[in-house]
Amino acid sequence: MSCRDCTAAVDHCHGTLVIHSSSTAECTEPGCVDLEYVRHYLVLDCSEITGGCQCVAQIELRQAS
C-alpha cells in the first residue's frame, strides 16, 4: 500500500506538526523543514502531547507564581 499523495507527487509530510505556546512549530518527521500547516495531515497543540511539553510546563509555572 502506498500513500496516494506520494503517488500523485503532491508536496506533503507524513509527520505531525506540533505548535508550541510560543507559536513556533516543529515536525515529528526527521528532516522536515517546511513547517506549513497545509503540508501536514495532523496538527496538534503541544499541550495535547502525551507526557506534556516543556513550554506548557513553563507557562503553568509562570501562572502559579
PDB file of N, CA and C in Angstrom:
ATOM      1  N   MET A   1       0.847  -1.167   0.000  1.00  0.00           N
ATOM      2  CA  MET A   1       0.000   0.000   0.000  1.00  0.00           C
ATOM      3  C   MET A   1       0.900   1.241   0.000  1.00  0.00           C
ATOM      4  N   SER A   2       0.569   2.215  -0.810  1.00  0.00           N
ATOM      5  CA  SER A   2       1.367   3.439  -0.850  1.00  0.00           C
ATOM      6  C   SER A   2       0.474   4.657  -0.630  1.00  0.00           C
ATOM      7  N   CYS A   3       1.089   5.727  -0.220  1.00  0.00           N
ATOM      8  CA  CYS A   3       0.385   6.976   0.047  1.00  0.00           C
ATOM      9  C   CYS A   3      -0.081   7.578  -1.279  1.00  0.00           C
ATOM     10  N   ARG A   4      -1.341   7.958  -1.359  1.00  0.00           N
ATOM     11  CA  ARG A   4      -1.866   8.498  -2.621  1.00  0.00           C
ATOM     12  C   ARG A   4      -1.213   9.828  -2.982  1.00  0.00           C
ATOM     13  N   ASP A   5      -0.841  10.631  -1.975  1.00  0.00           N
ATOM     14  CA  ASP A   5      -0.173  11.895  -2.271  1.00  0.00           C
ATOM     15  C   ASP A   5       1.258  11.667  -2.748  1.00  0.00           C
ATOM     16  N   CYS A   6       1.923  10.635  -2.221  1.00  0.00           N
ATOM     17  CA  CYS A   6       3.254  10.285  -2.729  1.00  0.00           C
ATOM     18  C   CYS A   6       3.146   9.844  -4.185  1.00  0.00           C
ATOM     19  N   THR A   7       2.169   9.005  -4.470  1.00  0.00           N
ATOM     20  CA  THR A   7       1.959   8.503  -5.832  1.00  0.00           C
ATOM     21  C   THR A   7       1.651   9.651  -6.794  1.00  0.00           C
ATOM     22  N   ALA A   8       0.884  10.647  -6.321  1.00  0.00           N
ATOM     23  CA  ALA A   8       0.496  11.784  -7.163  1.00  0.00           C
ATOM     24  C   ALA A   8       1.537  12.908  -7.139  1.00  0.00           C
ATOM     25  N   ALA A   9       2.642  12.721  -6.409  1.00  0.00           N
ATOM     26  CA  ALA A   9       3.710  13.722  -6.298  1.00  0.00           C
ATOM     27  C   ALA A   9       3.213  15.044  -5.701  1.00  0.00           C
ATOM     28  N   VAL A  10       2.294  14.942  -4.722  1.00  0.00           N
ATOM     29  CA  VAL A  10       1.788  16.111  -4.011  1.00  0.00           C
ATOM     30  C   VAL A  10       2.741  16.416  -2.855  1.00  0.00           C
ATOM     31  N   ASP A  11       3.109  17.684  -2.716  1.00  0.00           N
ATOM     32  CA  ASP A  11       4.011  18.092  -1.640  1.00  0.00           C
ATOM     33  C   ASP A  11       3.290  17.937  -0.304  1.00  0.00           C
ATOM     34  N   HIS A  12       3.792  17.044   0.547  1.00  0.00           N
ATOM     35  CA  HIS A  12       3.181  16.793   1.843  1.00  0.00           C
ATOM     36  C   HIS A  12       4.202  16.168   2.774  1.00  0.00           C
ATOM     37  N   CYS A  13       3.820  15.998   4.042  1.00  0.00           N
ATOM     38  CA  CYS A  13       4.688  15.393   5.039  1.00  0.00           C
ATOM     39  C   CYS A  13       3.882  14.354   5.810  1.00  0.00           C
ATOM     40  N   HIS A  14       4.514  13.257   6.158  1.00  0.00           N
ATOM     41  CA  HIS A  14       3.849  12.202   6.927  1.00  0.00           C
ATOM     42  C   HIS A  14       3.958  12.417   8.429  1.00  0.00           C
ATOM     43  N   GLY A  15       4.695  13.434   8.842  1.00  0.00           N
ATOM     44  CA  GLY A  15       4.865  13.710  10.271  1.00  0.00           C
ATOM     45  C   GLY A  15       3.707  14.509  10.843  1.00  0.00           C
ATOM     46  N   THR A  16       3.768  14.713  12.152  1.00  0.00           N
ATOM     47  CA  THR A  16       2.788  15.521  12.870  1.00  0.00           C
ATOM     48  C   THR A  16       3.408  16.878  13.160  1.00  0.00           C
ATOM     49  N   LEU A  17       2.685  17.931  12.844  1.00  0.00           N
ATOM     50  CA  LEU A  17       3.150  19.280  13.124  1.00  0.00           C
ATOM     51  C   LEU A  17       2.690  19.658  14.526  1.00  0.00           C
ATOM     52  N   VAL A  18       3.638  20.032  15.375  1.00  0.00           N
ATOM     53  CA  VAL A  18       3.340  20.403  16.762  1.00  0.00           C
ATOM     54  C   VAL A  18       3.526  21.908  16.892  1.00  0.00           C
ATOM     55  N   ILE A  19       2.479  22.589  17.344  1.00  0.00           N
ATOM     56  CA  ILE A  19       2.506  24.033  17.530  1.00  0.00           C
ATOM     57  C   ILE A  19       2.687  24.319  19.016  1.00  0.00           C
ATOM     58  N   HIS A  20       3.750  25.059  19.335  1.00  0.00           N
ATOM     59  CA  HIS A  20       4.064  25.377  20.730  1.00  0.00           C
ATOM     60  C   HIS A  20       3.403  26.685  21.156  1.00  0.00           C
ATOM     61  N   SER A  21       3.379  26.926  22.454  1.00  0.00           N
ATOM     62  CA  SER A  21       2.733  28.116  23.001  1.00  0.00           C
ATOM     63  C   SER A  21       3.392  29.403  22.512  1.00  0.00           C
ATOM     64  N   SER A  22       4.635  29.325  22.099  1.00  0.00           N
ATOM     65  CA  SER A  22       5.348  30.493  21.577  1.00  0.00           C
ATOM     66  C   SER A  22       5.038  30.724  20.092  1.00  0.00           C
ATOM     67  N   SER A  23       4.136  29.925  19.547  1.00  0.00           N
ATOM     68  CA  SER A  23       3.746  29.953  18.123  1.00  0.00           C
ATOM     69  C   SER A  23       4.808  29.368  17.202  1.00  0.00           C
ATOM     70  N   THR A  24       5.858  28.776  17.761  1.00  0.00           N
ATOM     71  CA  THR A  24       6.818  28.068  16.927  1.00  0.00           C
ATOM     72  C   THR A  24       6.277  26.681  16.636  1.00  0.00           C
ATOM     73  N   ALA A  25       6.771  26.083  15.581  1.00  0.00           N
ATOM     74  CA  ALA A  25       6.299  24.768  15.180  1.00  0.00           C
ATOM     75  C   ALA A  25       7.472  23.830  14.984  1.00  0.00           C
ATOM     76  N   GLU A  26       7.202  22.553  15.189  1.00  0.00           N
ATOM     77  CA  GLU A  26       8.186  21.530  14.863  1.00  0.00           C
ATOM     78  C   GLU A  26       7.440  20.311  14.347  1.00  0.00           C
ATOM     79  N   CYS A  27       8.134  19.522  13.539  1.00  0.00           N
ATOM     80  CA  CYS A  27       7.532  18.343  12.943  1.00  0.00           C
ATOM     81  C   CYS A  27       8.190  17.099  13.522  1.00  0.00           C
ATOM     82  N   THR A  28       7.401  16.041  13.671  1.00  0.00           N
ATOM     83  CA  THR A  28       7.913  14.775  14.189  1.00  0.00           C
ATOM     84  C   THR A  28       8.675  13.987  13.135  1.00  0.00           C
ATOM     85  N   GLU A  29       8.579  14.384  11.894  1.00  0.00           N
ATOM     86  CA  GLU A  29       9.267  13.679  10.801  1.00  0.00           C
ATOM     87  C   GLU A  29      10.699  14.213  10.686  1.00  0.00           C
ATOM     88  N   PRO A  30      11.691  13.345  10.900  1.00  0.00           N
ATOM     89  CA  PRO A  30      13.078  13.803  10.779  1.00  0.00           C
ATOM     90  C   PRO A  30      13.339  14.406   9.392  1.00  0.00           C
ATOM     91  N   GLY A  31      14.003  15.532   9.366  1.00  0.00           N
ATOM     92  CA  GLY A  31      14.357  16.164   8.106  1.00  0.00           C
ATOM     93  C   GLY A  31      13.304  17.096   7.534  1.00  0.00           C
ATOM     94  N   CYS A  32      12.130  17.173   8.148  1.00  0.00           N
ATOM     95  CA  CYS A  32      11.092  18.081   7.644  1.00  0.00           C
ATOM     96  C   CYS A  32      11.479  19.509   8.011  1.00  0.00           C
ATOM     97  N   VAL A  33      11.604  20.348   7.002  1.00  0.00           N
ATOM     98  CA  VAL A  33      11.964  21.746   7.252  1.00  0.00           C
ATOM     99  C   VAL A  33      10.887  22.719   6.788  1.00  0.00           C
ATOM    100  N   ASP A  34       9.904  22.243   6.044  1.00  0.00           N
ATOM    101  CA  ASP A  34       8.804  23.091   5.581  1.00  0.00           C
ATOM    102  C   ASP A  34       7.636  22.897   6.539  1.00  0.00           C
ATOM    103  N   LEU A  35       7.471  23.817   7.466  1.00  0.00           N
ATOM    104  CA  LEU A  35       6.508  23.664   8.549  1.00  0.00           C
ATOM    105  C   LEU A  35       5.165  24.329   8.260  1.00  0.00           C
ATOM    106  N   GLU A  36       4.757  24.332   7.018  1.00  0.00           N
ATOM    107  CA  GLU A  36       3.451  24.873   6.648  1.00  0.00           C
ATOM    108  C   GLU A  36       2.346  23.913   7.089  1.00  0.00           C
ATOM    109  N   TYR A  37       1.269  24.456   7.608  1.00  0.00           N
ATOM    110  CA  TYR A  37       0.135  23.646   8.069  1.00  0.00           C
ATOM    111  C   TYR A  37      -0.399  22.744   6.960  1.00  0.00           C
ATOM    112  N   VAL A  38      -0.514  23.278   5.748  1.00  0.00           N
ATOM    113  CA  VAL A  38      -1.155  22.544   4.656  1.00  0.00           C
ATOM    114  C   VAL A  38      -0.392  21.300   4.232  1.00  0.00           C
ATOM    115  N   ARG A  39       0.877  21.199   4.572  1.00  0.00           N
ATOM    116  CA  ARG A  39       1.687  20.030   4.211  1.00  0.00           C
ATOM    117  C   ARG A  39       1.482  18.876   5.186  1.00  0.00           C
ATOM    118  N   HIS A  40       0.841  19.125   6.322  1.00  0.00           N
ATOM    119  CA  HIS A  40       0.715  18.134   7.386  1.00  0.00           C
ATOM    120  C   HIS A  40      -0.747  17.758   7.597  1.00  0.00           C
ATOM    121  N   TYR A  41      -1.002  16.460   7.649  1.00  0.00           N
ATOM    122  CA  TYR A  41      -2.363  15.976   7.867  1.00  0.00           C
ATOM    123  C   TYR A  41      -2.780  16.107   9.327  1.00  0.00           C
ATOM    124  N   LEU A  42      -1.798  16.054  10.215  1.00  0.00           N
ATOM    125  CA  LEU A  42      -2.108  16.134  11.637  1.00  0.00           C
ATOM    126  C   LEU A  42      -1.339  17.303  12.250  1.00  0.00           C
ATOM    127  N   VAL A  43      -2.081  18.224  12.866  1.00  0.00           N
ATOM    128  CA  VAL A  43      -1.500  19.391  13.527  1.00  0.00           C
ATOM    129  C   VAL A  43      -2.035  19.405  14.960  1.00  0.00           C
ATOM    130  N   LEU A  44      -1.124  19.432  15.925  1.00  0.00           N
ATOM    131  CA  LEU A  44      -1.510  19.392  17.334  1.00  0.00           C
ATOM    132  C   LEU A  44      -0.945  20.580  18.097  1.00  0.00           C
ATOM    133  N   ASP A  45      -1.665  21.011  19.107  1.00  0.00           N
ATOM    134  CA  ASP A  45      -1.136  21.955  20.079  1.00  0.00           C
ATOM    135  C   ASP A  45      -0.249  21.138  21.012  1.00  0.00           C
ATOM    136  N   CYS A  46       0.870  21.696  21.425  1.00  0.00           N
ATOM    137  CA  CYS A  46       1.814  20.928  22.247  1.00  0.00           C
ATOM    138  C   CYS A  46       1.198  20.459  23.565  1.00  0.00           C
ATOM    139  N   SER A  47       0.162  21.106  24.046  1.00  0.00           N
ATOM    140  CA  SER A  47      -0.488  20.676  25.288  1.00  0.00           C
ATOM    141  C   SER A  47      -1.190  19.330  25.118  1.00  0.00           C
ATOM    142  N   GLU A  48      -1.404  18.901  23.881  1.00  0.00           N
ATOM    143  CA  GLU A  48      -2.068  17.632  23.606  1.00  0.00           C
ATOM    144  C   GLU A  48      -1.098  16.451  23.573  1.00  0.00           C
ATOM    145  N   ILE A  49       0.197  16.707  23.685  1.00  0.00           N
ATOM    146  CA  ILE A  49       1.198  15.655  23.610  1.00  0.00           C
ATOM    147  C   ILE A  49       1.184  14.841  24.897  1.00  0.00           C
ATOM    148  N   THR A  50       1.170  13.517  24.767  1.00  0.00           N
ATOM    149  CA  THR A  50       1.220  12.638  25.923  1.00  0.00           C
ATOM    150  C   THR A  50       2.509  12.890  26.690  1.00  0.00           C
ATOM    151  N   GLY A  51       2.398  13.115  27.957  1.00  0.00           N
ATOM    152  CA  GLY A  51       3.564  13.412  28.780  1.00  0.00           C
ATOM    153  C   GLY A  51       3.857  14.891  28.866  1.00  0.00           C
ATOM    154  N   GLY A  52       3.134  15.684  28.086  1.00  0.00           N
ATOM    155  CA  GLY A  52       3.284  17.131  28.140  1.00  0.00           C
ATOM    156  C   GLY A  52       4.442  17.663  27.324  1.00  0.00           C
ATOM    157  N   CYS A  53       4.580  18.941  27.371  1.00  0.00           N
ATOM    158  CA  CYS A  53       5.622  19.649  26.639  1.00  0.00           C
ATOM    159  C   CYS A  53       6.268  20.622  27.613  1.00  0.00           C
ATOM    160  N   GLN A  54       7.552  20.846  27.475  1.00  0.00           N
ATOM    161  CA  GLN A  54       8.249  21.739  28.394  1.00  0.00           C
ATOM    162  C   GLN A  54       7.695  23.155  28.357  1.00  0.00           C
ATOM    163  N   CYS A  55       7.278  23.643  27.194  1.00  0.00           N
ATOM    164  CA  CYS A  55       6.790  25.022  27.144  1.00  0.00           C
ATOM    165  C   CYS A  55       5.459  25.160  27.884  1.00  0.00           C
ATOM    166  N   VAL A  56       4.630  24.125  27.909  1.00  0.00           N
ATOM    167  CA  VAL A  56       3.378  24.169  28.664  1.00  0.00           C
ATOM    168  C   VAL A  56       3.690  24.191  30.156  1.00  0.00           C
ATOM    169  N   ALA A  57       4.663  23.406  30.584  1.00  0.00           N
ATOM    170  CA  ALA A  57       5.063  23.383  31.995  1.00  0.00           C
ATOM    171  C   ALA A  57       5.592  24.745  32.418  1.00  0.00           C
ATOM    172  N   GLN A  58       6.326  25.416  31.546  1.00  0.00           N
ATOM    173  CA  GLN A  58       6.857  26.739  31.856  1.00  0.00           C
ATOM    174  C   GLN A  58       5.730  27.758  32.013  1.00  0.00           C
ATOM    175  N   ILE A  59       4.714  27.693  31.164  1.00  0.00           N
ATOM    176  CA  ILE A  59       3.572  28.604  31.260  1.00  0.00           C
ATOM    177  C   ILE A  59       2.826  28.360  32.580  1.00  0.00           C
ATOM    178  N   GLU A  60       2.617  27.093  32.926  1.00  0.00           N
ATOM    179  CA  GLU A  60       1.910  26.774  34.167  1.00  0.00           C
ATOM    180  C   GLU A  60       2.694  27.270  35.380  1.00  0.00           C
ATOM    181  N   LEU A  61       4.018  27.190  35.330  1.00  0.00           N
ATOM    182  CA  LEU A  61       4.864  27.693  36.411  1.00  0.00           C
ATOM    183  C   LEU A  61       4.703  29.199  36.563  1.00  0.00           C
ATOM    184  N   ARG A  62       4.707  29.901  35.437  1.00  0.00           N
ATOM    185  CA  ARG A  62       4.552  31.372  35.475  1.00  0.00           C
ATOM    186  C   ARG A  62       3.178  31.761  36.009  1.00  0.00           C
ATOM    187  N   GLN A  63       2.152  31.013  35.645  1.00  0.00           N
ATOM    188  CA  GLN A  63       0.794  31.324  36.097  1.00  0.00           C
ATOM    189  C   GLN A  63       0.641  31.058  37.585  1.00  0.00           C
ATOM    190  N   ALA A  64       1.370  30.086  38.098  1.00  0.00           N
ATOM    191  CA  ALA A  64       1.282  29.745  39.512  1.00  0.00           C
ATOM    192  C   ALA A  64       2.002  30.769  40.388  1.00  0.00           C
ATOM    193  N   SER A  65       2.938  31.508  39.814  1.00  0.00           N
ATOM    194  CA  SER A  65       3.726  32.481  40.596  1.00  0.00           C
ATOM    195  C   SER A  65       2.934  33.712  40.947  1.00  0.00           C
TER     196      SER A  65
END
